[in-house]
Amino acid sequence: ETTIQVSDFSSGEIRQILIELQVDPASATETEPEAAKNLALGVLQLRFSRTEESPIEEIEIPLSILVDDDEVRRDATNNAFAESIEKVAAEVMSAEANEAHDKAMMELEAGRAAEARNILQQQQTRQTAYQNMMPETMSSTPQYQIFDQQRTRFASSIQQVGAAEHNGQLRRNMALNSRRQGQQMAQGYFSSSNQAQMRSEEINANYGQQPPIPPPPFNQQFLPPKY
């Protein structure tokens, strides 16, 4: 049994739960050549309450996998679900990016800046390569947009590693921000917390680009007030 803490279900936001299963199709090797075989994996039981005071509800979801030793037929089936497969793969990649970023910040906080930079750069390369391979049909999906957000996040962290190497407070702040951002992004691109974080970062970035307000001319600094 696995317990997952999420926020109030009454908010109407979409909840995403990634589950990794390792399947051994050995029991389905005696598939008839004319048809694929549906291999049952068990039943996923979800027990939840919509609020802290609500009664517990339960949903059962049968899990199965289609096993087929005919390559042509198998490829045709996979192509029919290509978009769904890509979306799940993108969610997994984003979760791995969050994990890699947290690991890099732990290295940085421990004073190992070179290791932190290496982790960030390797993950950034993986993300870019995967995003370039994503179908054009996914360019407007939340999964694609979260990659843009991750790319900006990793680029910013790589840029700050040098300054953080000799600044303990900056290292600590980067580690805390990494965990917070990862939790928000894991809720989905359009979740209220992630959107609020994006707007906050945009405002801070624009504020930092504003030129400083010049002081008044010297001869106006000491004029007596007018009554």
Protein backbone atom coordinates (compact mmCIF):
# COMPACT_ATOMS: atom_id res chain seq x y z
CA GLU A 1 0.00 0.00 0.00
CA THR A 2 1.28 3.45 -0.96
CA THR A 3 0.02 6.67 0.62
CA ILE A 4 0.15 9.90 -1.39
CA GLN A 5 -0.57 13.29 0.16
CA VAL A 6 -2.35 15.70 -2.19
CA SER A 7 -4.21 18.94 -1.65
CA ASP A 8 -7.96 19.42 -1.44
CA PHE A 9 -9.76 17.43 -4.17
CA SER A 10 -12.63 19.94 -4.12
CA SER A 11 -10.44 22.48 -5.98
CA GLY A 12 -11.29 20.81 -9.29
CA GLU A 13 -7.65 20.52 -10.38
CA ILE A 14 -6.38 17.48 -12.28
CA ARG A 15 -4.26 15.09 -10.23
CA GLN A 16 -1.52 13.07 -11.91
CA ILE A 17 -0.06 9.89 -10.42
CA LEU A 18 2.78 8.11 -12.22
CA ILE A 19 3.12 4.38 -11.58
CA GLU A 20 6.06 2.33 -12.82
CA LEU A 21 5.38 -1.37 -13.38
CA GLN A 22 7.88 -4.03 -14.40
CA VAL A 23 6.08 -6.68 -16.43
CA ASP A 24 7.31 -10.15 -17.34
CA PRO A 25 5.27 -11.33 -20.35
CA ALA A 26 6.58 -14.90 -20.02
CA SER A 27 3.14 -16.19 -19.07
CA ALA A 28 1.78 -14.93 -22.38
CA THR A 29 4.34 -16.45 -24.73
CA GLU A 30 1.88 -19.05 -26.00
CA THR A 31 -0.03 -16.42 -27.96
CA GLU A 32 -1.95 -17.63 -30.99
CA PRO A 33 -0.49 -16.11 -34.20
CA GLU A 34 -3.90 -14.77 -35.23
CA ALA A 35 -4.55 -12.70 -32.13
CA ALA A 36 -2.89 -10.74 -29.34
CA LYS A 37 -3.31 -11.84 -25.75
CA ASN A 38 -4.49 -9.63 -22.94
CA LEU A 39 -2.22 -10.22 -19.92
CA ALA A 40 -3.87 -9.23 -16.64
CA LEU A 41 -1.60 -7.40 -14.19
CA GLY A 42 -4.00 -7.10 -11.29
CA VAL A 43 -6.25 -4.38 -9.93
CA LEU A 44 -5.22 -0.90 -8.83
CA GLN A 45 -7.26 0.17 -5.81
CA LEU A 46 -7.52 3.88 -5.12
CA ARG A 47 -8.91 4.92 -1.74
CA PHE A 48 -9.37 8.65 -1.23
CA SER A 49 -11.44 11.33 0.45
CA ARG A 50 -12.37 14.58 -1.26
CA THR A 51 -11.72 16.64 1.87
CA GLU A 52 -10.28 15.82 5.29
CA GLU A 53 -13.80 15.40 6.70
CA SER A 54 -15.28 13.47 3.75
CA PRO A 55 -15.87 9.71 3.90
CA ILE A 56 -13.35 7.46 2.17
CA GLU A 57 -14.25 6.46 -1.39
CA GLU A 58 -12.74 3.63 -3.40
CA ILE A 59 -12.11 3.07 -7.12
CA GLU A 60 -10.84 -0.15 -8.67
CA ILE A 61 -8.98 0.01 -11.99
CA PRO A 62 -8.08 -3.28 -13.72
CA LEU A 63 -4.57 -3.20 -15.20
CA SER A 64 -3.58 -5.23 -18.24
CA ILE A 65 -1.11 -5.26 -21.11
CA LEU A 66 -1.61 -6.47 -24.66
CA VAL A 67 1.07 -9.02 -25.61
CA ASP A 68 1.57 -9.77 -29.30
CA ASP A 69 4.39 -11.65 -31.04
CA ASP A 70 3.38 -10.30 -34.46
CA GLU A 71 5.59 -7.21 -34.99
CA VAL A 72 3.44 -5.61 -37.71
CA ARG A 73 0.25 -5.94 -35.69
CA ARG A 74 2.01 -4.82 -32.51
CA ASP A 75 3.46 -1.69 -34.17
CA ALA A 76 0.04 -0.80 -35.58
CA THR A 77 -1.50 -1.04 -32.11
CA ASN A 78 1.26 1.07 -30.55
CA ASN A 79 0.90 3.73 -33.27
CA ALA A 80 -2.80 4.02 -32.49
CA PHE A 81 -1.88 5.05 -28.94
CA ALA A 82 1.26 7.02 -29.86
CA GLU A 83 0.02 10.33 -28.46
CA SER A 84 -0.96 8.81 -25.12
CA ILE A 85 2.39 7.01 -24.92
CA GLU A 86 4.26 10.25 -25.67
CA LYS A 87 2.32 12.13 -23.00
CA VAL A 88 3.16 9.55 -20.35
CA ALA A 89 6.81 9.48 -21.47
CA ALA A 90 6.96 13.27 -21.20
CA GLU A 91 5.53 13.17 -17.68
CA VAL A 92 8.16 10.58 -16.71
CA MET A 93 10.94 12.71 -18.21
CA SER A 94 9.72 15.77 -16.30
CA ALA A 95 9.65 13.78 -13.04
CA GLU A 96 13.21 12.60 -13.73
CA ALA A 97 14.22 16.21 -14.39
CA ASN A 98 12.84 17.25 -10.99
CA GLU A 99 14.76 14.43 -9.34
CA ALA A 100 17.99 15.33 -11.17
CA HIS A 101 17.63 19.01 -10.25
CA ASP A 102 17.17 18.17 -6.57
CA LYS A 103 20.22 15.89 -6.71
CA ALA A 104 22.28 18.66 -8.32
CA MET A 105 21.23 21.11 -5.62
CA MET A 106 22.24 18.61 -2.93
CA GLU A 107 25.69 18.38 -4.53
CA LEU A 108 25.89 22.15 -4.73
CA GLU A 109 24.80 22.60 -1.12
CA ALA A 110 27.55 20.16 -0.10
CA GLY A 111 30.10 22.33 -1.88
CA ARG A 112 30.55 20.12 -4.94
CA ALA A 113 29.82 22.71 -7.62
CA ALA A 114 31.47 20.80 -10.48
CA GLU A 115 29.33 17.71 -9.83
CA ALA A 116 26.19 19.86 -9.60
CA ARG A 117 26.95 21.59 -12.89
CA ASN A 118 27.63 18.25 -14.57
CA ILE A 119 24.28 16.80 -13.44
CA LEU A 120 22.40 19.89 -14.62
CA GLN A 121 24.10 19.94 -18.01
CA GLN A 122 23.58 16.22 -18.63
CA GLN A 123 19.89 16.43 -17.79
CA GLN A 124 19.49 19.58 -19.87
CA THR A 125 21.00 17.76 -22.86
CA ARG A 126 18.60 14.83 -22.36
CA GLN A 127 15.60 17.15 -22.13
CA THR A 128 16.54 19.08 -25.25
CA ALA A 129 17.10 15.89 -27.25
CA TYR A 130 13.77 14.43 -26.14
CA GLN A 131 11.85 17.65 -26.77
CA ASN A 132 13.27 17.85 -30.30
CA MET A 133 11.98 14.33 -30.96
CA MET A 134 8.44 15.03 -29.73
CA PRO A 135 5.78 15.08 -32.50
CA GLU A 136 4.60 18.49 -33.71
CA THR A 137 1.09 17.59 -32.59
CA MET A 138 2.31 17.87 -28.99
CA SER A 139 3.78 21.37 -29.33
CA SER A 140 0.74 22.95 -27.67
CA THR A 141 0.23 20.31 -24.97
CA PRO A 142 0.98 20.89 -21.27
CA GLN A 143 3.63 18.17 -21.47
CA TYR A 144 5.57 20.14 -24.11
CA GLN A 145 5.14 23.42 -22.23
CA ILE A 146 6.47 21.90 -19.02
CA PHE A 147 9.65 21.07 -20.95
CA ASP A 148 10.03 24.75 -21.84
CA GLN A 149 9.64 25.58 -18.16
CA GLN A 150 12.19 22.93 -17.18
CA ARG A 151 14.64 24.20 -19.80
CA THR A 152 14.43 27.74 -18.41
CA ARG A 153 14.81 26.39 -14.88
CA PHE A 154 17.93 24.35 -15.67
CA ALA A 155 19.54 27.18 -17.65
CA SER A 156 19.02 29.55 -14.72
CA SER A 157 20.50 27.07 -12.24
CA ILE A 158 23.55 26.41 -14.43
CA GLN A 159 24.12 30.16 -14.67
CA GLN A 160 23.99 30.54 -10.86
CA VAL A 161 26.28 27.63 -9.97
CA GLY A 162 29.43 29.74 -10.26
CA ALA A 163 28.14 32.44 -7.92
CA ALA A 164 26.70 29.88 -5.48
CA GLU A 165 30.00 28.01 -5.20
CA HIS A 166 31.31 30.62 -2.72
CA ASN A 167 27.96 31.78 -1.33
CA GLY A 168 26.44 29.46 1.27
CA GLN A 169 23.16 31.38 1.55
CA LEU A 170 22.62 31.28 -2.21
CA ARG A 171 23.29 27.53 -2.25
CA ARG A 172 20.72 27.02 0.49
CA ASN A 173 18.13 29.18 -1.28
CA MET A 174 18.66 27.33 -4.56
CA ALA A 175 18.15 23.97 -2.83
CA LEU A 176 14.92 25.13 -1.17
CA ASN A 177 13.62 26.66 -4.40
CA SER A 178 14.40 23.45 -6.27
CA ARG A 179 12.23 21.35 -3.97
CA ARG A 180 9.40 23.88 -4.06
CA GLN A 181 9.44 24.22 -7.85
CA GLY A 182 9.61 20.46 -8.33
CA GLN A 183 6.54 19.93 -6.16
CA GLN A 184 4.60 22.61 -8.02
CA MET A 185 5.57 21.35 -11.48
CA ALA A 186 4.67 17.78 -10.50
CA GLN A 187 1.07 18.96 -10.03
CA GLY A 188 0.84 19.78 -13.74
CA TYR A 189 1.60 22.73 -15.98
CA PHE A 190 -1.83 24.34 -15.51
CA SER A 191 -2.10 23.74 -11.77
CA SER A 192 -2.82 26.91 -9.82
CA SER A 193 0.39 26.66 -7.78
CA ASN A 194 2.59 26.21 -10.84
CA GLN A 195 0.92 29.06 -12.71
CA ALA A 196 1.31 31.32 -9.67
CA GLN A 197 4.99 30.41 -9.46
CA MET A 198 5.48 31.20 -13.16
CA ARG A 199 3.80 34.59 -12.80
CA SER A 200 5.91 35.37 -9.74
CA GLU A 201 9.13 34.51 -11.59
CA GLU A 202 8.06 36.61 -14.58
CA ILE A 203 7.33 39.62 -12.36
CA ASN A 204 10.66 39.24 -10.55
CA ALA A 205 12.52 38.95 -13.85
CA ASN A 206 10.84 42.06 -15.27
CA TYR A 207 11.43 43.98 -12.04
CA GLY A 208 15.12 43.10 -12.12
CA GLN A 209 15.40 44.47 -15.66
CA GLN A 210 13.97 47.89 -14.75
CA PRO A 211 16.59 50.67 -14.82
CA PRO A 212 17.21 52.37 -11.46
CA ILE A 213 15.40 55.64 -10.82
CA PRO A 214 17.96 58.45 -11.12
CA PRO A 215 18.30 60.85 -8.18
CA PRO A 216 17.07 64.44 -8.64
CA PRO A 217 19.56 67.00 -9.92
CA PHE A 218 22.02 68.19 -7.28
CA ASN A 219 20.65 71.73 -7.21
CA GLN A 220 17.14 70.38 -6.44
CA GLN A 221 18.16 68.13 -3.56
CA PHE A 222 18.54 70.95 -1.03
CA LEU A 223 15.72 73.28 -2.05
CA PRO A 224 13.48 74.28 0.88
CA PRO A 225 9.97 72.84 0.82
CA LYS A 226 7.18 74.96 -0.66
CA TYR A 227 4.29 75.93 1.60
